[in-house]
Protein backbone atom coordinates (compact mmCIF):
# COMPACT_ATOMS: atom_id res chain seq x y z
CA MET A 1 -3.69 17.86 -3.10
CA GLY A 2 -6.93 19.57 -3.01
CA SER A 3 -10.42 18.55 -2.12
CA THR A 4 -11.67 17.05 -5.41
CA SER A 5 -11.36 17.68 -4.23
CA ALA A 6 -6.48 -0.49 0.38
CA HIS A 7 -5.34 -2.75 2.47
CA ASP A 8 -5.60 -6.46 2.30
CA SER A 9 -6.98 -9.35 3.99
CA ASN A 10 -4.96 -12.42 4.53
CA GLU A 11 -5.15 -14.82 7.31
CA GLY A 12 -2.39 -16.20 9.41
CA LEU A 13 1.13 -15.33 10.40
CA GLY A 14 2.84 -16.75 7.31
CA ARG A 15 2.11 -13.70 5.19
CA ARG A 16 5.47 -12.18 6.16
CA ASP A 17 7.04 -14.84 3.98
CA LEU A 18 4.98 -13.51 1.08
CA ILE A 19 5.92 -9.91 1.69
CA LYS A 20 9.55 -9.39 2.53
CA ARG A 21 9.86 -6.29 4.53
CA SER A 22 11.52 -3.05 4.16
CA ALA A 23 10.14 0.13 2.78
CA ALA A 24 7.60 0.84 0.11
CA LEU A 25 5.87 3.70 -1.63
CA GLY A 26 3.10 4.29 -4.07
CA LEU A 27 1.21 7.08 -5.81
CA ILE A 28 -1.96 7.58 -7.81
CA THR A 29 -3.78 10.22 -9.65
CA VAL A 30 -5.90 11.43 -12.53
CA PRO A 31 -4.82 12.48 -15.97
CA ALA A 32 -3.73 16.09 -15.97
CA MET A 33 -3.51 18.28 -19.03
CA GLY A 34 -0.14 19.88 -19.73
CA PHE A 35 -0.06 23.37 -18.29
CA LEU A 36 1.48 26.32 -20.09
CA SER A 37 1.70 24.19 -23.19
CA ALA A 38 2.32 25.42 -26.68
CA CYS A 39 -1.38 25.87 -27.37
CA ALA A 40 -2.33 29.41 -28.19
CA SER A 41 -4.34 31.51 -25.79
CA SER A 42 -8.05 31.55 -26.45
CA SER A 43 -8.47 34.72 -24.41
CA ASP A 44 -9.31 37.96 -26.15
CA ASP A 45 -8.23 39.91 -23.11
CA SER A 46 -5.09 41.96 -23.37
CA PRO A 47 -2.68 42.30 -20.43
CA LYS A 48 -3.75 44.96 -17.96
CA GLU A 49 -1.59 47.23 -15.86
CA LYS A 50 -1.21 46.41 -12.19
CA ALA A 51 -3.25 48.42 -9.73
CA THR A 52 -1.19 51.07 -8.01
CA GLY A 53 -0.62 50.47 -4.31
CA GLY A 54 -2.32 52.40 -1.55
CA PRO A 55 -0.81 53.90 1.59
CA LYS A 56 0.24 51.40 4.26
CA THR A 57 -1.59 51.92 7.55
CA ALA A 58 -2.33 49.88 10.67
CA LYS A 59 -5.62 48.76 9.10
CA ASN A 60 -4.07 48.29 5.67
CA PRO A 61 -0.54 46.99 6.34
CA LEU A 62 -0.03 45.61 2.82
CA GLY A 63 -0.96 48.89 1.19
CA VAL A 64 -3.97 47.66 -0.78
CA ASN A 65 -5.45 50.05 -3.36
CA GLU A 66 -8.83 50.58 -1.70
CA SER A 67 -10.71 51.16 -4.96
CA ALA A 68 -9.05 48.46 -7.10
CA GLY A 69 -11.17 45.49 -8.13
CA LEU A 70 -10.30 41.96 -7.03
CA ASP A 71 -10.64 38.92 -9.29
CA VAL A 72 -11.04 35.67 -7.30
CA VAL A 73 -11.42 32.11 -8.66
CA ILE A 74 -12.22 29.30 -6.21
CA PHE A 75 -12.27 25.56 -6.88
CA ASP A 76 -15.78 24.25 -6.23
CA GLY A 77 -15.02 20.86 -4.70
CA GLY A 78 -15.31 19.13 -1.37
CA PHE A 79 -15.11 22.37 0.59
CA GLY A 80 -17.60 24.27 -1.54
CA THR A 81 -17.12 28.03 -1.88
CA LYS A 82 -19.18 29.72 0.84
CA TYR A 83 -16.17 30.08 3.14
CA ALA A 84 -14.53 32.11 0.37
CA THR A 85 -17.56 34.29 -0.39
CA ASP A 86 -17.91 34.99 3.33
CA ALA A 87 -14.31 36.24 3.31
CA ASN A 88 -15.13 38.30 0.20
CA ALA A 89 -17.80 40.10 2.22
CA VAL A 90 -15.22 40.99 4.88
CA TYR A 91 -12.89 42.35 2.18
CA GLU A 92 -15.66 44.48 0.65
CA LYS A 93 -16.54 45.85 4.08
CA ALA A 94 -12.91 46.82 4.64
CA PHE A 95 -12.62 48.32 1.15
CA PRO A 96 -16.15 49.44 0.19
CA LYS A 97 -14.97 51.03 -3.07
CA ALA A 98 -13.53 47.72 -4.29
CA LYS A 99 -15.60 45.34 -6.41
CA ILE A 100 -14.89 41.62 -6.20
CA ASN A 101 -15.35 39.55 -9.34
CA PHE A 102 -15.93 36.05 -7.95
CA HIS A 103 -15.98 32.86 -10.01
CA LYS A 104 -16.23 29.21 -8.93
CA THR A 105 -15.32 26.26 -11.11
CA GLN A 106 -14.07 22.67 -11.18
CA LYS A 107 -12.14 23.29 -14.40
CA ILE A 108 -9.26 25.34 -13.03
CA GLN A 109 -6.75 24.52 -15.74
CA SER A 110 -9.12 24.57 -18.72
CA GLU A 111 -10.45 27.99 -17.80
CA LEU A 112 -7.31 29.66 -16.47
CA GLN A 113 -4.57 28.43 -18.81
CA PRO A 114 -5.70 30.81 -21.59
CA LYS A 115 -5.69 33.68 -19.08
CA PHE A 116 -2.15 32.87 -17.95
CA ASN A 117 -1.04 32.60 -21.57
CA GLY A 118 -2.73 35.90 -22.38
CA GLY A 119 -1.31 37.75 -19.38
CA THR A 120 -4.71 38.27 -17.71
CA PRO A 121 -4.84 35.83 -14.77
CA PRO A 122 -7.05 36.42 -11.71
CA ASP A 123 -5.65 37.98 -8.54
CA LEU A 124 -6.26 34.98 -6.29
CA ILE A 125 -6.78 31.34 -7.29
CA ASP A 126 -7.66 28.22 -5.30
CA ASN A 127 -5.60 25.90 -7.51
CA SER A 128 -7.16 22.57 -6.62
CA GLY A 129 -8.97 19.54 -7.97
CA ALA A 130 -8.50 17.14 -10.86
CA GLU A 131 -7.57 20.03 -13.18
CA GLN A 132 -5.09 21.55 -10.79
CA MET A 133 -2.36 23.52 -12.54
CA ASP A 134 1.14 22.14 -12.06
CA MET A 135 2.67 24.17 -9.24
CA GLY A 136 6.20 23.07 -10.12
CA VAL A 137 5.76 24.36 -13.66
CA LEU A 138 4.22 27.63 -12.46
CA VAL A 139 7.12 28.24 -10.10
CA GLY A 140 9.71 27.18 -12.64
CA LYS A 141 8.33 29.59 -15.25
CA ASN A 142 8.11 32.52 -12.80
CA GLN A 143 4.33 32.66 -13.02
CA LEU A 144 3.65 33.25 -9.31
CA THR A 145 3.98 36.08 -6.80
CA ASP A 146 6.18 35.57 -3.74
CA LEU A 147 3.83 35.59 -0.73
CA THR A 148 6.50 36.58 1.80
CA PRO A 149 4.94 40.06 2.27
CA LEU A 150 1.71 38.37 3.40
CA LEU A 151 3.56 36.13 5.86
CA ASP A 152 5.47 39.07 7.31
CA ALA A 153 2.36 41.25 7.62
CA PRO A 154 0.70 41.62 11.04
CA SER A 155 -2.10 39.18 11.73
CA ILE A 156 -5.63 40.53 11.94
CA ASP A 157 -6.26 39.19 15.45
CA ASP A 158 -2.96 40.24 17.01
CA PRO A 159 -0.98 42.96 15.21
CA GLY A 160 1.95 42.05 17.45
CA LYS A 161 2.24 38.74 15.61
CA LYS A 162 3.18 38.18 12.00
CA VAL A 163 0.84 36.02 9.92
CA ARG A 164 3.57 33.37 9.70
CA ASP A 165 3.57 33.08 13.50
CA THR A 166 -0.11 32.09 13.54
CA LEU A 167 0.23 29.11 11.18
CA ARG A 168 0.36 25.36 11.75
CA PRO A 169 3.76 23.68 11.44
CA GLY A 170 4.93 22.99 7.89
CA ILE A 171 2.59 25.39 6.08
CA VAL A 172 5.28 27.90 5.14
CA GLU A 173 7.74 25.19 4.08
CA MET A 174 5.17 23.57 1.81
CA GLY A 175 4.91 26.74 -0.21
CA GLN A 176 8.67 26.88 -0.76
CA PHE A 177 10.09 25.13 -3.79
CA ASP A 178 13.66 26.34 -4.04
CA GLY A 179 15.03 28.79 -1.48
CA ASP A 180 13.18 31.21 0.77
CA PRO A 181 10.35 32.59 -1.41
CA VAL A 182 6.89 31.20 -0.65
CA TRP A 183 4.97 30.68 -3.89
CA VAL A 184 1.92 28.74 -2.67
CA PHE A 185 -0.27 29.11 0.41
CA TYR A 186 -2.11 25.99 1.56
CA TYR A 187 -5.22 27.18 3.34
CA ALA A 188 -6.74 23.93 4.57
CA TYR A 189 -4.90 21.58 6.89
CA THR A 190 -5.66 18.11 5.70
CA VAL A 191 -5.36 14.81 7.52
CA TYR A 192 -4.97 11.96 5.05
CA GLY A 193 -5.44 8.32 5.85
CA VAL A 194 -7.79 5.36 5.95
CA TRP A 195 -11.35 6.57 6.52
CA TYR A 196 -14.03 4.34 8.01
CA SER A 197 -17.34 4.22 9.85
CA GLN A 198 -17.10 3.35 13.52
CA THR A 199 -20.71 2.20 13.31
CA ALA A 200 -19.79 -0.27 10.58
CA LEU A 201 -16.93 -1.66 12.64
CA ASP A 202 -19.19 -1.93 15.69
CA LYS A 203 -21.64 -4.04 13.67
CA LEU A 204 -18.77 -6.42 12.91
CA ASP A 205 -17.67 -6.38 16.55
CA ALA A 206 -14.32 -5.07 15.38
CA LYS A 207 -11.86 -2.32 16.18
CA TYR A 208 -9.69 -0.39 13.75
CA PRO A 209 -6.89 -2.77 12.67
CA GLU A 210 -3.51 -1.64 13.93
CA THR A 211 -1.63 -4.42 12.10
CA TRP A 212 -1.86 -5.63 8.52
CA ASP A 213 -2.79 -9.15 9.66
CA GLU A 214 -5.69 -7.63 11.60
CA MET A 215 -6.65 -5.65 8.49
CA LEU A 216 -6.69 -8.80 6.37
CA ALA A 217 -8.69 -10.72 8.95
CA LEU A 218 -11.27 -7.94 9.21
CA CYS A 219 -11.62 -7.70 5.43
CA GLU A 220 -12.20 -11.46 5.28
CA LYS A 221 -14.83 -11.21 8.03
CA ALA A 222 -16.59 -8.42 6.16
CA LYS A 223 -16.41 -10.33 2.87
CA LYS A 224 -18.32 -13.23 4.40
CA GLN A 225 -21.12 -10.79 5.19
CA GLY A 226 -21.18 -9.36 1.68
CA ILE A 227 -19.18 -6.22 2.51
CA ALA A 228 -16.02 -5.24 0.67
CA GLY A 229 -12.95 -4.33 2.64
CA TRP A 230 -11.91 -1.37 0.49
CA THR A 231 -12.94 0.96 -2.28
CA TYR A 232 -11.19 3.96 -3.87
CA PRO A 233 -11.75 6.36 -6.79
CA GLY A 234 -10.61 4.08 -9.61
CA LYS A 235 -10.91 6.83 -12.19
CA TYR A 236 -8.76 9.06 -10.00
CA PRO A 237 -6.34 6.59 -8.43
CA TYR A 238 -4.17 9.36 -7.00
CA TYR A 239 -6.29 8.98 -3.87
CA LEU A 240 -4.49 5.72 -3.04
CA PRO A 241 -1.30 7.43 -1.88
CA PHE A 242 -3.24 9.19 0.87
CA SER A 243 -2.85 5.97 2.84
CA LEU A 244 -0.13 4.26 0.80
CA TYR A 245 2.52 6.99 1.22
CA PRO A 246 2.47 7.01 5.02
CA PHE A 247 2.32 3.20 4.89
CA ILE A 248 5.59 3.18 2.93
CA ALA A 249 7.18 5.67 5.31
CA LYS A 250 6.02 3.66 8.29
CA ILE A 251 7.63 0.54 6.87
CA GLY A 252 10.93 2.00 5.69
CA GLY A 253 11.25 5.44 7.23
CA ARG A 254 10.47 8.94 5.96
CA GLU A 255 13.74 8.96 4.02
CA VAL A 256 12.17 6.56 1.51
CA LEU A 257 9.57 9.16 0.60
CA ASP A 258 12.24 11.85 0.44
CA ALA A 259 14.27 9.80 -2.03
CA ILE A 260 11.19 9.34 -4.21
CA ASP A 261 10.43 13.07 -4.07
CA ASN A 262 14.05 13.79 -5.01
CA LEU A 263 13.78 11.52 -8.08
CA GLU A 264 16.79 9.56 -6.88
CA PRO A 265 17.88 6.54 -8.96
CA LYS A 266 16.26 3.27 -7.83
CA ALA A 267 14.19 5.07 -5.17
CA TRP A 268 11.10 3.11 -6.19
CA GLU A 269 13.06 -0.15 -5.92
CA HIS A 270 13.47 0.25 -2.17
CA PRO A 271 12.31 -2.88 -0.29
CA ALA A 272 9.74 -0.81 1.57
CA VAL A 273 8.03 0.15 -1.68
CA LYS A 274 7.96 -3.49 -2.73
CA ALA A 275 6.48 -4.52 0.62
CA ALA A 276 3.78 -1.86 0.53
CA PHE A 277 2.83 -2.52 -3.10
CA GLU A 278 2.56 -6.25 -2.46
CA ALA A 279 0.45 -5.65 0.63
CA TYR A 280 -2.01 -3.48 -1.30
CA TYR A 281 -2.01 -5.93 -4.21
CA GLU A 282 -3.24 -8.60 -1.79
CA LEU A 283 -6.45 -6.61 -1.48
CA PHE A 284 -7.11 -7.21 -5.14
CA LYS A 285 -5.97 -10.84 -5.14
CA LYS A 286 -8.16 -11.79 -2.20
CA GLY A 287 -11.22 -10.04 -3.54
CA TYR A 288 -11.36 -7.37 -0.86
CA ILE A 289 -11.83 -4.47 -3.29
CA LEU A 290 -15.44 -3.48 -3.98
CA GLN A 291 -16.52 -4.76 -7.39
CA GLY A 292 -16.59 -1.99 -9.97
CA THR A 293 -14.14 0.23 -8.07
CA PRO A 294 -11.71 0.73 -11.01
CA GLY A 295 -14.47 2.53 -12.93
CA MET A 296 -15.67 4.75 -10.07
CA THR A 297 -15.29 8.49 -9.64
CA HIS A 298 -14.48 9.86 -6.19
CA ILE A 299 -18.15 10.63 -5.59
CA GLN A 300 -19.26 7.14 -6.62
CA ALA A 301 -16.65 5.46 -4.42
CA GLN A 302 -17.50 7.68 -1.45
CA THR A 303 -21.21 7.03 -1.91
CA ALA A 304 -20.67 3.27 -2.00
CA TRP A 305 -18.65 3.64 1.19
CA THR A 306 -21.21 5.75 3.04
CA LYS A 307 -23.90 3.25 1.99
CA GLY A 308 -21.95 0.53 3.77
CA GLN A 309 -20.75 -1.38 0.71
CA ALA A 310 -17.10 -1.10 1.81
CA LEU A 311 -15.37 -0.57 5.15
CA PHE A 312 -12.37 1.57 4.18
CA ILE A 313 -11.48 4.30 1.71
CA PRO A 314 -8.24 6.31 1.32
CA ASN A 315 -9.08 9.99 1.46
CA GLY A 316 -8.44 13.41 2.96
CA SER A 317 -10.41 15.23 5.63
CA TRP A 318 -12.50 17.09 3.06
CA VAL A 319 -14.42 13.82 2.58
CA GLU A 320 -16.75 14.59 5.49
CA ASN A 321 -18.12 17.67 3.77
CA GLU A 322 -18.02 16.23 0.27
CA ALA A 323 -19.82 13.01 1.24
CA ALA A 324 -22.31 14.71 3.57
CA PRO A 325 -25.32 14.30 1.20
CA THR A 326 -25.10 10.50 1.41
CA THR A 327 -23.71 10.00 4.92
CA PRO A 328 -26.15 8.51 7.47
CA LYS A 329 -26.52 10.42 10.73
CA ASP A 330 -25.23 7.47 12.75
CA PHE A 331 -22.23 6.81 10.47
CA LYS A 332 -19.59 8.05 12.96
CA MET A 333 -16.97 8.89 10.32
CA MET A 334 -13.38 8.42 11.49
CA VAL A 335 -9.83 8.42 10.12
CA GLY A 336 -7.13 5.91 10.95
CA ALA A 337 -3.39 5.82 10.37
CA PRO A 338 -1.96 3.03 8.18
CA SER A 339 -1.81 -0.33 9.87
CA SER A 340 1.61 -1.68 10.84
CA LEU A 341 3.04 -4.19 8.38
CA ASP A 342 4.90 -5.92 11.19
CA GLY A 343 7.15 -5.32 14.17
CA ASN A 344 10.07 -4.33 11.97
CA ASP A 345 8.45 -1.09 10.76
CA LYS A 346 10.78 1.89 11.09
CA MET A 347 8.04 4.24 12.34
CA PRO A 348 5.36 3.55 14.99
CA PHE A 349 1.66 2.97 14.52
CA GLY A 350 0.03 6.37 14.31
CA THR A 351 2.39 7.65 11.61
CA ILE A 352 0.19 9.68 9.31
CA TRP A 353 0.24 12.09 6.40
CA ALA A 354 -1.00 15.54 7.35
CA SER A 355 -0.21 18.72 5.50
CA GLY A 356 -1.53 21.84 3.93
CA GLY A 357 -4.27 21.41 1.38
CA GLU A 358 -6.28 23.69 -0.90
CA PRO A 359 -3.38 25.59 -2.47
CA PHE A 360 -3.94 29.29 -3.09
CA ILE A 361 -1.75 31.23 -5.50
CA VAL A 362 -1.39 34.85 -6.59
CA PRO A 363 -0.23 35.03 -10.24
CA ALA A 364 2.81 37.17 -11.04
CA LYS A 365 0.82 39.00 -13.72
CA ALA A 366 -2.25 39.55 -11.54
CA LYS A 367 -3.63 43.07 -11.78
CA ASN A 368 -4.11 43.35 -8.01
CA PRO A 369 -1.67 40.93 -6.30
CA THR A 370 -1.67 42.95 -3.06
CA GLY A 371 -5.44 42.58 -2.89
CA GLY A 372 -5.07 38.83 -3.38
CA MET A 373 -2.67 38.64 -0.43
CA GLU A 374 -4.94 40.79 1.72
CA GLN A 375 -7.81 38.40 1.03
CA LEU A 376 -5.65 35.55 2.30
CA ARG A 377 -4.78 37.60 5.40
CA ILE A 378 -8.51 37.99 6.08
CA MET A 379 -9.03 34.25 5.63
CA LEU A 380 -6.31 33.64 8.23
CA SER A 381 -8.14 35.46 10.99
CA GLU A 382 -9.57 33.38 13.81
CA ALA A 383 -13.11 34.30 12.79
CA SER A 384 -12.63 33.19 9.17
CA SER A 385 -10.84 30.05 10.29
CA LYS A 386 -13.68 29.08 12.63
CA ASN A 387 -16.16 29.82 9.87
CA PHE A 388 -14.22 27.50 7.53
CA THR A 389 -14.02 24.71 10.11
CA THR A 390 -17.71 25.03 11.00
CA GLN A 391 -18.81 24.95 7.38
CA VAL A 392 -16.58 22.28 5.88
CA LYS A 393 -15.55 20.20 8.90
CA SER A 394 -11.85 20.66 8.25
CA LEU A 395 -8.97 22.38 9.99
CA SER A 396 -7.39 25.44 8.42
CA ALA A 397 -3.77 26.58 8.26
CA PHE A 398 -4.49 28.90 11.19
CA ASN A 399 -3.08 27.24 14.30
CA GLY A 400 -6.25 27.22 16.36
CA GLY A 401 -9.77 28.06 15.41
CA THR A 402 -11.41 25.08 17.13
CA ASP A 403 -11.87 26.50 20.63
CA GLY A 404 -15.53 26.53 21.57
CA LEU A 405 -16.58 24.53 18.51
CA ALA A 406 -18.46 21.25 18.77
CA LEU A 407 -16.37 18.95 16.56
CA SER A 408 -17.84 16.09 14.54
CA THR A 409 -16.51 12.57 15.05
CA ALA A 410 -14.55 12.88 11.80
CA LEU A 411 -12.90 16.17 12.68
CA GLN A 412 -12.23 15.08 16.25
CA SER A 413 -10.65 11.87 14.99
CA GLY A 414 -8.36 13.96 12.79
CA VAL A 415 -7.35 16.12 15.75
CA ASP A 416 -6.74 12.96 17.81
CA ALA A 417 -4.72 11.38 14.99
CA LEU A 418 -2.43 14.41 14.84
CA LYS A 419 -1.98 14.29 18.60
CA LYS A 420 -1.13 10.58 18.51
CA ALA A 421 1.29 11.03 15.60
CA GLY A 422 3.25 13.76 17.35
CA THR A 423 6.41 14.18 15.27
CA ASN A 424 5.60 11.13 13.15
CA VAL A 425 3.85 13.15 10.46
CA VAL A 426 5.02 12.75 6.86
CA ASN A 427 4.52 15.18 4.00
CA PRO A 428 5.30 13.75 0.52
CA ARG A 429 5.93 16.50 -2.03
CA LEU A 430 5.73 14.64 -5.34
CA GLN A 431 2.14 15.78 -5.88
CA ASP A 432 3.26 19.41 -5.62
CA TRP A 433 6.57 19.22 -7.46
CA TYR A 434 5.73 16.92 -10.39
CA VAL A 435 2.01 16.79 -11.02
CA LYS A 436 2.14 15.06 -14.41
CA LEU A 437 4.49 12.38 -13.08
CA GLN A 438 2.23 11.68 -10.16
CA LYS A 439 -1.17 11.86 -11.80
CA GLU A 440 -0.76 10.51 -15.30
CA GLN A 441 2.17 8.17 -14.81
CA ILE A 442 2.55 6.94 -11.24
CA GLY A 443 -1.19 7.20 -10.67
CA VAL A 444 -3.19 6.15 -13.69
CA ALA A 445 -0.56 4.18 -15.63
CA GLY A 446 1.04 2.70 -12.52
CA LEU A 447 -1.05 2.19 -9.40
CA GLY A 448 -4.36 2.31 -11.22
CA GLU A 449 -3.34 -0.62 -13.40
CA MET A 450 -1.91 -2.58 -10.49
CA MET A 451 -4.95 -2.20 -8.24
CA ALA A 452 -7.22 -3.22 -11.12
CA GLY A 453 -5.19 -6.42 -11.44
CA ARG A 454 -3.72 -5.58 -14.84
CA ALA A 455 -0.11 -5.37 -13.62
CA THR A 456 1.90 -7.01 -10.85
CA PRO A 457 3.71 -5.04 -8.17
CA ALA A 458 7.07 -5.85 -9.75
CA GLU A 459 5.90 -4.68 -13.17
CA THR A 460 4.43 -1.53 -11.64
CA ILE A 461 7.60 -0.66 -9.75
CA LYS A 462 9.68 -1.07 -12.91
CA LYS A 463 7.30 1.11 -14.91
CA ILE A 464 7.13 3.84 -12.25
CA GLN A 465 10.90 3.91 -11.79
CA GLY A 466 11.20 4.41 -15.54
CA TYR A 467 8.81 7.36 -15.42
CA ALA A 468 10.73 8.89 -12.49
CA ASP A 469 14.07 8.45 -14.26
CA LYS A 470 12.77 10.21 -17.38
CA ALA A 471 11.45 13.09 -15.24
CA ALA A 472 14.83 13.37 -13.51
CA GLN A 473 16.60 13.55 -16.88
CA ASP A 474 14.16 15.99 -18.47
CA GLN A 475 15.94 19.33 -18.69
CA ASN A 476 12.66 21.07 -19.50
CA ILE A 477 11.44 20.35 -15.96
CA LYS A 478 12.61 22.35 -12.96
CA HIS A 479 13.75 19.88 -10.33
CA TYR A 480 13.33 20.25 -6.57
CA LYS A 481 14.86 18.48 -3.61
CA HIS A 482 14.28 18.19 0.12
CA LYS A 483 16.64 20.28 2.18
CA LYS A 484 19.08 18.22 4.18
């Protein structure tokens, strides 16, 4: 998921009788247009020949054509684009004869689908946001370049190390869909979870709730003071899984999420999914969701949150940068792991979702794919990584880049959350493998309806399982599975 970039409140110990335990899962998202559809290309461009490669040297290990132009498109979301243009300047200094054609947009799919259809895609794309192109479809239709040469190239900071040896755990695996090739490179390293203001909790004389009963009690306390417990981007309900997925895994174990990713029969009927859905549904039933949330964009929900109208919001670590214009100086933004449902949870408190974010791709029909990979190699230097972290308050895929930096409370809390989680980090893949299923069906038609009170958890589970079954049976979709 890119930077576009609930819980409940019940009192008392008897709530376990209402929510029978086991494992639960949920997902949400925005409508996505079908990528590589039958619509004709609107591009007048004709396919261009690839740039010939240049000689491979110590300073140019990928063999970039030093005079070939580079076409870069960056998603203009929560991270902005300055980190990318700064890297462009480094590329142009290294290859002064090369001209970079840079474009930023929030309409990735609308603008780039015609170029893919016409055989004239850019050389490097930050494929993120609400109009993210379906990575599973791109891979399945052989539309992407294998990035293995980039990963096996020497790193800029230490030529004795390959780029792959400088990355955070899980980054390479995330870009693999079926076998060894790496089709996607996730540049940001995102910590997902329940975001809150420590200042707001201090005013309520409260600490972050480590159990669901504590969460419900805190939401009730806030409600009595005119503050909602939760808000979320109702128009883009795929934000809900940022806290709901690890909640499900915590309750029933990471294998529940794997089964859902694998489109296994009855995966959504697992008791853990039921427990998690019913817990989140309590937020609606008890009036702990900020009024008007179902109609809010991500910016509107985040603004309501930073203005103190709600305590919690499910989000990713790009939120600090994206919400900066409305965040008070004394806000003390923090991220928390999902609360424990009860003592029977399969995974400990601290279990969190953290993974690569901001997916970069190099199209198979790019004119200068080697240049696109070289640009990523530049971005994976320590200097570029520190520049990214300083600018957007987020970690990068580079395993380091924080030494000597003064970290904000939000970024430090993310670092602390990763440390506390240890090996208890989950990484759901449904959003990468089956974008339409997640965004249009599980998200909008499923979770969005449930959290707005228009469907019960049982009805939602039945509907989502039906969507998943149809996706599993659709022979026009390339299917992926977790490696055993």
